[in-house]
Amino acid sequence: WLGEFDLPTRRFAQYTIAINVFGFVAVALLSGSLADRLQSADARLAHTSLELNDLRALNEYVIDGLLSGLVTADADSRILSFNRASTSITGVTAEQAVGRDAIDVLQLPAGTRVKLGTLAQTKSLRVDFEYRCSTGQMLDIGLMATMLSFPNGRNGYLVTFQDVTELRRLERNARLQQ
């Protein structure tokens, strides 16, 4: 059908067809390359997601495996996390504790909130106090608090504590025997 046109028009049509064919081939190659890259990115994302899930599970396993109570709280002392040992020591479940004031939940002595406010200068806070369980039993608790910087740039607290009742009893008995 190109025979009906003069030579310059036929050449122009041939060049146009060649350019279009080249464009289609280039688009096909580019699409294939992009599809390969997308598949590769999907595979890397799936692998990274699995690694992240494994790391998260290990983190939770380690934190819940601690024998010490571990509590994280925001700058307003609202509890963000409460590990299994915290529940074991206090009798308060994580569901009951999260979102509540750490000072109230842990029954920290008066003035502790002010001392927590000075952690930026003092780096850590050590507090020994008595804790009354829901059963009425009194426990001696040794607590350490430090500043915690969250990934979003906000600060909070990392609190670890232990039931030192038996240790205090042994210390009293040793003093009495002396």
Protein backbone atom coordinates (compact mmCIF):
# COMPACT_ATOMS: atom_id res chain seq x y z
CA TRP A 1 0.00 0.00 0.00
CA LEU A 2 2.99 2.30 0.30
CA GLY A 3 3.51 2.01 -3.48
CA GLU A 4 0.82 4.64 -4.00
CA PHE A 5 2.93 7.35 -2.36
CA ASP A 6 5.97 9.21 -3.64
CA LEU A 7 9.44 8.20 -2.44
CA PRO A 8 9.87 10.82 0.35
CA THR A 9 6.46 9.98 1.78
CA ARG A 10 7.20 6.24 1.64
CA ARG A 11 10.52 6.73 3.42
CA PHE A 12 8.89 8.90 6.04
CA ALA A 13 6.25 6.19 6.59
CA GLN A 14 8.95 3.50 6.80
CA TYR A 15 10.94 5.55 9.32
CA THR A 16 7.80 6.19 11.33
CA ILE A 17 6.98 2.49 11.37
CA ALA A 18 10.58 1.63 12.32
CA ILE A 19 10.56 4.21 15.10
CA ASN A 20 7.22 2.89 16.38
CA VAL A 21 8.48 -0.72 16.31
CA PHE A 22 11.67 0.37 18.11
CA GLY A 23 9.52 2.23 20.67
CA PHE A 24 7.34 -0.84 21.26
CA VAL A 25 10.42 -3.05 21.68
CA ALA A 26 12.01 -0.52 24.06
CA VAL A 27 8.81 -0.30 26.12
CA ALA A 28 8.61 -4.11 26.23
CA LEU A 29 12.22 -4.38 27.41
CA LEU A 30 11.74 -1.63 29.97
CA SER A 31 8.53 -3.26 31.22
CA GLY A 32 10.29 -6.59 31.57
CA SER A 33 13.16 -4.97 33.46
CA LEU A 34 10.77 -3.14 35.77
CA ALA A 35 8.80 -6.35 36.37
CA ASP A 36 12.04 -8.15 37.30
CA ARG A 37 13.00 -5.34 39.65
CA LEU A 38 9.54 -5.39 41.21
CA GLN A 39 9.77 -9.15 41.79
CA SER A 40 13.22 -8.72 43.30
CA ALA A 41 11.99 -5.90 45.55
CA ASP A 42 9.00 -8.03 46.61
CA ALA A 43 11.32 -10.90 47.50
CA ARG A 44 13.61 -8.60 49.52
CA LEU A 45 10.60 -7.06 51.26
CA ALA A 46 9.23 -10.49 52.16
CA HIS A 47 12.65 -11.54 53.50
CA THR A 48 13.02 -8.33 55.49
CA SER A 49 9.49 -8.72 56.84
CA LEU A 50 10.31 -12.25 58.04
CA GLU A 51 13.52 -11.02 59.66
CA LEU A 52 11.63 -8.19 61.35
CA ASN A 53 8.99 -10.59 62.66
CA ASP A 54 11.73 -12.91 63.96
CA LEU A 55 13.48 -10.00 65.66
CA ARG A 56 10.21 -8.80 67.19
CA ALA A 57 9.43 -12.31 68.48
CA LEU A 58 12.95 -12.64 69.93
CA ASN A 59 12.62 -9.23 71.57
CA GLU A 60 9.29 -10.19 73.16
CA TYR A 61 10.70 -13.59 74.19
CA VAL A 62 13.73 -11.99 75.86
CA ILE A 63 11.71 -9.30 77.61
CA ASP A 64 9.09 -11.76 78.81
CA GLY A 65 11.84 -14.17 79.87
CA LEU A 66 13.45 -11.70 82.25
CA LEU A 67 13.16 -12.47 85.95
CA SER A 68 13.02 -8.75 86.72
CA GLY A 69 9.97 -6.64 86.14
CA LEU A 70 10.45 -4.42 83.12
CA VAL A 71 8.18 -1.47 82.42
CA THR A 72 8.44 1.20 79.75
CA ALA A 73 6.56 4.45 80.20
CA ASP A 74 6.19 7.68 78.28
CA ALA A 75 7.28 11.09 79.60
CA ASP A 76 3.95 11.40 81.45
CA SER A 77 4.63 8.07 83.24
CA ARG A 78 1.90 6.26 81.27
CA ILE A 79 2.81 2.59 80.98
CA LEU A 80 3.58 1.41 77.44
CA SER A 81 4.77 -2.13 78.19
CA PHE A 82 4.62 -4.43 81.20
CA ASN A 83 6.47 -7.76 81.00
CA ARG A 84 5.52 -11.12 82.46
CA ALA A 85 7.78 -10.73 85.53
CA SER A 86 6.07 -7.40 86.29
CA THR A 87 2.77 -9.26 86.39
CA SER A 88 4.27 -12.04 88.49
CA ILE A 89 5.68 -9.61 91.06
CA THR A 90 2.77 -7.17 91.30
CA GLY A 91 -0.21 -9.36 90.45
CA VAL A 92 -1.29 -6.70 87.93
CA THR A 93 -1.73 -7.95 84.34
CA ALA A 94 -0.27 -6.12 81.37
CA GLU A 95 -3.81 -5.39 80.16
CA GLN A 96 -4.61 -3.73 83.48
CA ALA A 97 -1.33 -1.78 83.58
CA VAL A 98 -0.83 -0.44 80.05
CA GLY A 99 -2.07 3.13 79.74
CA ARG A 100 -2.15 3.73 83.49
CA ASP A 101 0.25 5.86 85.53
CA ALA A 102 3.35 3.82 86.42
CA ILE A 103 3.69 5.62 89.74
CA ASP A 104 0.19 4.50 90.76
CA VAL A 105 0.50 0.94 89.41
CA LEU A 106 3.87 0.36 91.06
CA GLN A 107 2.86 2.25 94.22
CA LEU A 108 6.02 4.34 94.10
CA PRO A 109 6.73 6.58 97.10
CA ALA A 110 5.71 10.24 97.19
CA GLY A 111 8.22 12.46 95.43
CA THR A 112 9.18 9.84 92.86
CA ARG A 113 7.55 11.80 90.03
CA VAL A 114 9.77 14.79 90.83
CA LYS A 115 12.84 12.53 90.94
CA LEU A 116 11.91 11.02 87.57
CA GLY A 117 11.90 14.54 86.16
CA THR A 118 15.58 14.89 87.07
CA LEU A 119 16.71 11.74 85.25
CA ALA A 120 18.16 13.78 82.38
CA GLN A 121 20.79 15.07 84.85
CA THR A 122 21.16 12.09 87.21
CA LYS A 123 21.01 9.35 84.51
CA SER A 124 19.34 6.82 86.84
CA LEU A 125 17.14 6.58 89.88
CA ARG A 126 17.24 3.86 92.52
CA VAL A 127 14.23 3.44 94.82
CA ASP A 128 13.51 0.87 97.53
CA PHE A 129 9.93 0.73 98.75
CA GLU A 130 7.16 -1.50 100.00
CA TYR A 131 4.50 -2.77 97.61
CA ARG A 132 1.11 -4.06 98.75
CA CYS A 133 -0.18 -6.89 96.55
CA SER A 134 -3.88 -7.37 95.90
CA THR A 135 -3.70 -10.23 98.41
CA GLY A 136 -2.55 -7.79 101.08
CA GLN A 137 0.96 -9.25 101.22
CA MET A 138 3.73 -6.65 101.58
CA LEU A 139 6.78 -6.95 99.32
CA ASP A 140 10.10 -5.14 99.44
CA ILE A 141 10.83 -3.86 95.96
CA GLY A 142 14.12 -2.60 94.56
CA LEU A 143 13.60 -0.42 91.49
CA MET A 144 15.91 1.25 88.98
CA ALA A 145 14.68 3.83 86.44
CA THR A 146 16.56 5.37 83.53
CA MET A 147 15.68 7.67 80.65
CA LEU A 148 14.54 6.04 77.44
CA SER A 149 14.61 7.74 74.03
CA PHE A 150 11.99 6.45 71.61
CA PRO A 151 12.60 6.31 67.82
CA ASN A 152 10.11 9.15 67.30
CA GLY A 153 12.38 11.47 69.33
CA ARG A 154 10.23 11.48 72.45
CA ASN A 155 11.56 10.51 75.86
CA GLY A 156 10.22 8.16 78.46
CA TYR A 157 11.37 5.80 81.18
CA LEU A 158 12.73 2.29 81.39
CA VAL A 159 11.96 0.82 84.80
CA THR A 160 13.30 -2.48 86.11
CA PHE A 161 12.40 -3.86 89.50
CA GLN A 162 12.69 -6.98 91.61
CA ASP A 163 11.05 -8.48 94.65
CA VAL A 164 13.85 -8.25 97.24
CA THR A 165 11.69 -9.35 100.19
CA GLU A 166 13.66 -12.54 100.83
CA LEU A 167 16.98 -10.70 100.49
CA ARG A 168 15.87 -8.07 103.03
CA ARG A 169 14.71 -10.81 105.40
CA LEU A 170 18.09 -12.54 105.15
CA GLU A 171 19.88 -9.23 105.78
CA ARG A 172 17.74 -8.60 108.90
CA ASN A 173 18.45 -12.12 110.19
CA ALA A 174 22.18 -11.68 109.60
CA ARG A 175 22.15 -8.37 111.53
CA LEU A 176 20.24 -10.00 114.39
CA GLN A 177 22.72 -12.90 114.54
CA GLN A 178 25.63 -10.46 114.70
